[in-house]
PDB file of N, CA and C in Angstrom:
ATOM      1  N   MET A   1       9.817 -22.855  52.776  1.00  0.00           N
ATOM      2  CA  MET A   1       8.195 -23.595  53.047  1.00  0.00           C
ATOM      3  C   MET A   1       9.042 -24.734  52.232  1.00  0.00           C
ATOM      4  N   PRO A   2       9.432 -25.326  53.371  1.00  0.00           N
ATOM      5  CA  PRO A   2       9.555 -26.581  53.191  1.00  0.00           C
ATOM      6  C   PRO A   2       9.473 -27.250  52.003  1.00  0.00           C
ATOM      7  N   LEU A   3       9.752 -28.248  51.141  1.00  0.00           N
ATOM      8  CA  LEU A   3       9.137 -29.241  50.312  1.00  0.00           C
ATOM      9  C   LEU A   3       8.780 -30.810  50.637  1.00  0.00           C
ATOM     10  N   GLY A   4       7.574 -31.242  50.902  1.00  0.00           N
ATOM     11  CA  GLY A   4       7.175 -32.089  51.457  1.00  0.00           C
ATOM     12  C   GLY A   4       5.649 -32.874  50.704  1.00  0.00           C
ATOM     13  N   ILE A   5       5.632 -34.146  50.507  1.00  0.00           N
ATOM     14  CA  ILE A   5       4.990 -34.812  50.097  1.00  0.00           C
ATOM     15  C   ILE A   5       3.635 -34.551  50.857  1.00  0.00           C
ATOM     16  N   PRO A   6       2.249 -34.609  50.152  1.00  0.00           N
ATOM     17  CA  PRO A   6       1.185 -34.126  51.059  1.00  0.00           C
ATOM     18  C   PRO A   6       0.885 -35.543  51.840  1.00  0.00           C
ATOM     19  N   GLU A   7       0.822 -35.194  52.848  1.00  0.00           N
ATOM     20  CA  GLU A   7       0.301 -36.530  53.794  1.00  0.00           C
ATOM     21  C   GLU A   7      -0.810 -38.042  53.119  1.00  0.00           C
ATOM     22  N   GLY A   8      -1.460 -37.541  52.369  1.00  0.00           N
ATOM     23  CA  GLY A   8      -2.567 -38.168  52.042  1.00  0.00           C
ATOM     24  C   GLY A   8      -1.861 -39.063  50.690  1.00  0.00           C
ATOM     25  N   MET A   9      -1.253 -38.164  49.771  1.00  0.00           N
ATOM     26  CA  MET A   9      -0.810 -38.615  48.823  1.00  0.00           C
ATOM     27  C   MET A   9       0.460 -39.656  48.934  1.00  0.00           C
ATOM     28  N   LYS A  10       1.269 -39.346  50.401  1.00  0.00           N
ATOM     29  CA  LYS A  10       2.172 -40.154  50.738  1.00  0.00           C
ATOM     30  C   LYS A  10       1.862 -41.979  51.046  1.00  0.00           C
ATOM     31  N   GLU A  11       0.346 -41.299  51.550  1.00  0.00           N
ATOM     32  CA  GLU A  11      -0.366 -43.193  52.132  1.00  0.00           C
ATOM     33  C   GLU A  11      -0.555 -43.889  50.679  1.00  0.00           C
ATOM     34  N   GLU A  12      -1.253 -42.879  49.606  1.00  0.00           N
ATOM     35  CA  GLU A  12      -1.610 -43.673  48.931  1.00  0.00           C
ATOM     36  C   GLU A  12      -0.845 -44.188  48.080  1.00  0.00           C
ATOM     37  N   HIS A  13       0.468 -43.952  47.861  1.00  0.00           N
ATOM     38  CA  HIS A  13       1.994 -44.366  47.166  1.00  0.00           C
ATOM     39  C   HIS A  13       2.374 -45.905  48.282  1.00  0.00           C
ATOM     40  N   GLU A  14       1.890 -45.520  49.340  1.00  0.00           N
ATOM     41  CA  GLU A  14       2.429 -46.772  49.874  1.00  0.00           C
ATOM     42  C   GLU A  14       1.833 -48.043  49.981  1.00  0.00           C
ATOM     43  N   GLU A  15      -0.010 -47.192  49.796  1.00  0.00           N
ATOM     44  CA  GLU A  15      -0.447 -48.285  49.462  1.00  0.00           C
ATOM     45  C   GLU A  15      -0.266 -48.846  48.315  1.00  0.00           C
ATOM     46  N   LEU A  16      -0.344 -48.283  47.379  1.00  0.00           N
ATOM     47  CA  LEU A  16       0.201 -48.883  46.007  1.00  0.00           C
ATOM     48  C   LEU A  16       1.170 -49.892  45.915  1.00  0.00           C
ATOM     49  N   HIS A  17       2.414 -49.203  46.399  1.00  0.00           N
ATOM     50  CA  HIS A  17       3.833 -50.147  46.613  1.00  0.00           C
ATOM     51  C   HIS A  17       3.625 -51.655  47.936  1.00  0.00           C
ATOM     52  N   ARG A  18       2.299 -51.284  48.508  1.00  0.00           N
ATOM     53  CA  ARG A  18       2.557 -52.679  49.356  1.00  0.00           C
ATOM     54  C   ARG A  18       1.503 -53.528  48.521  1.00  0.00           C
ATOM     55  N   GLU A  19       0.324 -53.230  48.013  1.00  0.00           N
ATOM     56  CA  GLU A  19      -0.411 -53.756  47.078  1.00  0.00           C
ATOM     57  C   GLU A  19       0.532 -54.499  45.785  1.00  0.00           C
ATOM     58  N   LEU A  20       1.484 -53.976  44.789  1.00  0.00           N
ATOM     59  CA  LEU A  20       2.132 -54.316  43.952  1.00  0.00           C
ATOM     60  C   LEU A  20       3.468 -55.690  44.828  1.00  0.00           C
ATOM     61  N   ALA A  21       3.542 -54.822  45.952  1.00  0.00           N
ATOM     62  CA  ALA A  21       4.186 -55.931  46.743  1.00  0.00           C
ATOM     63  C   ALA A  21       3.896 -57.483  46.763  1.00  0.00           C
ATOM     64  N   GLU A  22       2.701 -57.327  47.304  1.00  0.00           N
ATOM     65  CA  GLU A  22       1.471 -58.329  47.569  1.00  0.00           C
ATOM     66  C   GLU A  22       1.399 -59.059  46.110  1.00  0.00           C
ATOM     67  N   ALA A  23       1.683 -58.708  45.133  1.00  0.00           N
ATOM     68  CA  ALA A  23       0.889 -58.962  44.266  1.00  0.00           C
ATOM     69  C   ALA A  23       2.125 -59.467  42.893  1.00  0.00           C
ATOM     70  N   THR A  24       3.020 -59.593  43.350  1.00  0.00           N
ATOM     71  CA  THR A  24       4.464 -60.455  42.790  1.00  0.00           C
ATOM     72  C   THR A  24       4.510 -61.085  43.533  1.00  0.00           C
ATOM     73  N   LYS A  25       4.124 -61.544  45.121  1.00  0.00           N
ATOM     74  CA  LYS A  25       4.213 -63.310  44.992  1.00  0.00           C
ATOM     75  C   LYS A  25       3.167 -63.975  44.932  1.00  0.00           C
ATOM     76  N   ILE A  26       2.604 -63.173  44.083  1.00  0.00           N
ATOM     77  CA  ILE A  26       1.455 -64.546  43.325  1.00  0.00           C
ATOM     78  C   ILE A  26       1.904 -64.967  42.581  1.00  0.00           C
ATOM     79  N   ARG A  27       1.799 -66.418  42.596  1.00  0.00           N
ATOM     80  CA  ARG A  27       1.876 -67.543  41.166  1.00  0.00           C
ATOM     81  C   ARG A  27       1.729 -67.495  40.030  1.00  0.00           C
ATOM     82  N   GLY A  28       2.365 -67.781  38.632  1.00  0.00           N
ATOM     83  CA  GLY A  28       1.592 -67.463  37.438  1.00  0.00           C
ATOM     84  C   GLY A  28       1.738 -65.871  37.120  1.00  0.00           C
ATOM     85  N   LYS A  29       0.991 -65.741  35.695  1.00  0.00           N
ATOM     86  CA  LYS A  29       0.835 -64.667  35.197  1.00  0.00           C
ATOM     87  C   LYS A  29       1.022 -63.312  36.242  1.00  0.00           C
ATOM     88  N   VAL A  30       0.126 -63.645  37.025  1.00  0.00           N
ATOM     89  CA  VAL A  30      -0.694 -62.276  37.560  1.00  0.00           C
ATOM     90  C   VAL A  30       0.615 -61.947  38.330  1.00  0.00           C
ATOM     91  N   GLY A  31       1.088 -62.491  38.992  1.00  0.00           N
ATOM     92  CA  GLY A  31       2.752 -62.597  39.808  1.00  0.00           C
ATOM     93  C   GLY A  31       3.710 -62.373  38.824  1.00  0.00           C
ATOM     94  N   HIS A  32       3.924 -62.499  37.851  1.00  0.00           N
ATOM     95  CA  HIS A  32       5.312 -62.215  37.007  1.00  0.00           C
ATOM     96  C   HIS A  32       4.343 -61.050  36.324  1.00  0.00           C
ATOM     97  N   ALA A  33       3.497 -60.626  35.408  1.00  0.00           N
ATOM     98  CA  ALA A  33       3.025 -59.577  35.520  1.00  0.00           C
ATOM     99  C   ALA A  33       3.510 -58.474  36.502  1.00  0.00           C
ATOM    100  N   ALA A  34       3.083 -58.670  37.287  1.00  0.00           N
ATOM    101  CA  ALA A  34       3.309 -57.578  38.813  1.00  0.00           C
ATOM    102  C   ALA A  34       4.620 -57.316  38.695  1.00  0.00           C
ATOM    103  N   LYS A  35       6.078 -58.028  38.912  1.00  0.00           N
ATOM    104  CA  LYS A  35       6.997 -58.241  38.735  1.00  0.00           C
ATOM    105  C   LYS A  35       7.397 -57.291  37.812  1.00  0.00           C
ATOM    106  N   LYS A  36       7.028 -57.258  36.851  1.00  0.00           N
ATOM    107  CA  LYS A  36       7.169 -56.445  35.456  1.00  0.00           C
ATOM    108  C   LYS A  36       7.103 -54.580  35.718  1.00  0.00           C
ATOM    109  N   VAL A  37       5.688 -54.805  36.433  1.00  0.00           N
ATOM    110  CA  VAL A  37       5.167 -53.529  36.261  1.00  0.00           C
ATOM    111  C   VAL A  37       6.272 -53.051  37.565  1.00  0.00           C
ATOM    112  N   VAL A  38       6.265 -53.715  38.320  1.00  0.00           N
ATOM    113  CA  VAL A  38       7.275 -53.320  39.557  1.00  0.00           C
ATOM    114  C   VAL A  38       8.584 -52.549  38.713  1.00  0.00           C
ATOM    115  N   GLN A  39       9.393 -53.301  38.005  1.00  0.00           N
ATOM    116  CA  GLN A  39      10.634 -53.066  37.342  1.00  0.00           C
ATOM    117  C   GLN A  39      10.085 -51.941  35.997  1.00  0.00           C
ATOM    118  N   VAL A  40       9.025 -51.809  35.938  1.00  0.00           N
ATOM    119  CA  VAL A  40       8.661 -50.600  34.561  1.00  0.00           C
ATOM    120  C   VAL A  40       8.669 -48.948  35.344  1.00  0.00           C
ATOM    121  N   LEU A  41       7.626 -49.273  36.905  1.00  0.00           N
ATOM    122  CA  LEU A  41       6.802 -48.172  37.474  1.00  0.00           C
ATOM    123  C   LEU A  41       8.387 -47.803  38.682  1.00  0.00           C
ATOM    124  N   HIS A  42       9.483 -48.477  38.640  1.00  0.00           N
ATOM    125  CA  HIS A  42      10.239 -47.768  40.273  1.00  0.00           C
ATOM    126  C   HIS A  42      10.623 -46.800  39.612  1.00  0.00           C
ATOM    127  N   ARG A  43      11.516 -46.540  38.553  1.00  0.00           N
ATOM    128  CA  ARG A  43      12.241 -45.628  38.454  1.00  0.00           C
ATOM    129  C   ARG A  43      11.277 -44.459  37.871  1.00  0.00           C
ATOM    130  N   HIS A  44       9.475 -44.314  37.470  1.00  0.00           N
ATOM    131  CA  HIS A  44       8.787 -43.049  37.887  1.00  0.00           C
ATOM    132  C   HIS A  44       8.606 -43.066  38.697  1.00  0.00           C
ATOM    133  N   PHE A  45       8.243 -44.296  40.345  1.00  0.00           N
ATOM    134  CA  PHE A  45       8.112 -43.656  41.049  1.00  0.00           C
ATOM    135  C   PHE A  45       8.881 -42.797  41.856  1.00  0.00           C
ATOM    136  N   GLU A  46      10.728 -42.998  41.686  1.00  0.00           N
ATOM    137  CA  GLU A  46      11.614 -42.341  42.166  1.00  0.00           C
ATOM    138  C   GLU A  46      11.690 -40.852  41.911  1.00  0.00           C
ATOM    139  N   ARG A  47      11.677 -40.919  40.954  1.00  0.00           N
ATOM    140  CA  ARG A  47      11.255 -39.219  40.060  1.00  0.00           C
ATOM    141  C   ARG A  47      10.057 -38.802  40.235  1.00  0.00           C
ATOM    142  N   GLU A  48       9.221 -39.516  41.126  1.00  0.00           N
ATOM    143  CA  GLU A  48       7.789 -38.562  41.080  1.00  0.00           C
ATOM    144  C   GLU A  48       8.014 -38.127  42.800  1.00  0.00           C
ATOM    145  N   ASN A  49       8.599 -39.038  43.657  1.00  0.00           N
ATOM    146  CA  ASN A  49       8.434 -38.744  44.743  1.00  0.00           C
ATOM    147  C   ASN A  49       9.740 -37.546  44.924  1.00  0.00           C
ATOM    148  N   ASP A  50      10.868 -37.781  43.855  1.00  0.00           N
ATOM    149  CA  ASP A  50      11.687 -36.741  44.243  1.00  0.00           C
ATOM    150  C   ASP A  50      11.393 -35.227  43.265  1.00  0.00           C
ATOM    151  N   LEU A  51      10.536 -35.247  42.548  1.00  0.00           N
ATOM    152  CA  LEU A  51      10.118 -34.147  41.742  1.00  0.00           C
ATOM    153  C   LEU A  51       9.149 -33.781  41.836  1.00  0.00           C
ATOM    154  N   ALA A  52       7.976 -34.267  41.350  1.00  0.00           N
ATOM    155  CA  ALA A  52       6.246 -34.065  41.089  1.00  0.00           C
ATOM    156  C   ALA A  52       5.598 -34.128  42.919  1.00  0.00           C
ATOM    157  N   LEU A  53       5.635 -34.624  43.981  1.00  0.00           N
ATOM    158  CA  LEU A  53       5.136 -34.631  44.862  1.00  0.00           C
ATOM    159  C   LEU A  53       5.460 -33.755  45.658  1.00  0.00           C
ATOM    160  N   PRO A  54       6.394 -32.958  45.868  1.00  0.00           N
ATOM    161  CA  PRO A  54       7.175 -32.236  46.644  1.00  0.00           C
ATOM    162  C   PRO A  54       6.488 -31.043  46.092  1.00  0.00           C
ATOM    163  N   VAL A  55       6.462 -30.872  44.884  1.00  0.00           N
ATOM    164  CA  VAL A  55       5.870 -29.542  44.357  1.00  0.00           C
ATOM    165  C   VAL A  55       4.222 -29.870  44.462  1.00  0.00           C
ATOM    166  N   ILE A  56       3.569 -30.612  44.553  1.00  0.00           N
ATOM    167  CA  ILE A  56       2.562 -30.434  44.296  1.00  0.00           C
ATOM    168  C   ILE A  56       2.003 -29.940  46.035  1.00  0.00           C
ATOM    169  N   GLY A  57       3.200 -30.562  46.921  1.00  0.00           N
ATOM    170  CA  GLY A  57       3.515 -30.278  48.479  1.00  0.00           C
ATOM    171  C   GLY A  57       2.981 -28.600  48.704  1.00  0.00           C
ATOM    172  N   VAL A  58       3.818 -28.005  47.659  1.00  0.00           N
ATOM    173  CA  VAL A  58       4.040 -26.343  48.148  1.00  0.00           C
ATOM    174  C   VAL A  58       2.977 -26.003  47.523  1.00  0.00           C
ATOM    175  N   ALA A  59       2.566 -26.039  46.094  1.00  0.00           N
ATOM    176  CA  ALA A  59       1.154 -25.543  45.633  1.00  0.00           C
ATOM    177  C   ALA A  59       0.022 -25.791  46.610  1.00  0.00           C
ATOM    178  N   LYS A  60       0.252 -26.928  47.176  1.00  0.00           N
ATOM    179  CA  LYS A  60      -1.255 -27.264  48.257  1.00  0.00           C
ATOM    180  C   LYS A  60      -0.845 -26.153  49.757  1.00  0.00           C
ATOM    181  N   GLU A  61       0.195 -25.959  50.090  1.00  0.00           N
ATOM    182  CA  GLU A  61       0.532 -24.738  50.761  1.00  0.00           C
ATOM    183  C   GLU A  61       0.108 -23.901  50.641  1.00  0.00           C
ATOM    184  N   LEU A  62       0.381 -23.024  49.457  1.00  0.00           N
ATOM    185  CA  LEU A  62       0.142 -21.789  48.908  1.00  0.00           C
ATOM    186  C   LEU A  62      -0.887 -21.484  48.907  1.00  0.00           C
ATOM    187  N   ALA A  63      -2.149 -22.474  48.176  1.00  0.00           N
ATOM    188  CA  ALA A  63      -3.256 -22.346  47.856  1.00  0.00           C
ATOM    189  C   ALA A  63      -4.193 -22.350  49.348  1.00  0.00           C
ATOM    190  N   GLU A  64      -3.630 -23.067  50.149  1.00  0.00           N
ATOM    191  CA  GLU A  64      -4.169 -22.718  51.681  1.00  0.00           C
ATOM    192  C   GLU A  64      -3.942 -21.430  52.062  1.00  0.00           C
ATOM    193  N   ALA A  65      -3.113 -20.847  51.972  1.00  0.00           N
ATOM    194  CA  ALA A  65      -2.159 -19.775  52.934  1.00  0.00           C
ATOM    195  C   ALA A  65      -3.240 -18.947  51.784  1.00  0.00           C
ATOM    196  N   ILE A  66      -3.582 -19.033  50.492  1.00  0.00           N
ATOM    197  CA  ILE A  66      -4.101 -17.730  50.001  1.00  0.00           C
ATOM    198  C   ILE A  66      -5.631 -17.453  50.605  1.00  0.00           C
ATOM    199  N   ILE A  67      -6.166 -18.652  50.171  1.00  0.00           N
ATOM    200  CA  ILE A  67      -8.066 -19.080  50.802  1.00  0.00           C
ATOM    201  C   ILE A  67      -7.954 -18.471  52.404  1.00  0.00           C
ATOM    202  N   LYS A  68      -6.903 -18.879  53.469  1.00  0.00           N
ATOM    203  CA  LYS A  68      -7.090 -18.523  54.908  1.00  0.00           C
ATOM    204  C   LYS A  68      -7.303 -16.970  55.194  1.00  0.00           C
ATOM    205  N   PRO A  69      -7.761 -16.397  55.673  1.00  0.00           N
ATOM    206  CA  PRO A  69      -8.071 -15.072  55.791  1.00  0.00           C
ATOM    207  C   PRO A  69      -6.456 -14.307  56.642  1.00  0.00           C
TER     208      PRO A  69
END
């Protein structure tokens, strides 16, 4: 069973990254704060994509296999 990130979660994360990228372009305090958020969360997002989300994908596939007749 391949380790894959569920499509819905992948799309949600991509949207979050896009929104954060846009927020970093805002001038002033909001843009500055968004840049700090990106710095702080970058490693978290990497580890989540490498470790947690693929496991969730496998769990989802297992659950679906159990539910199917």
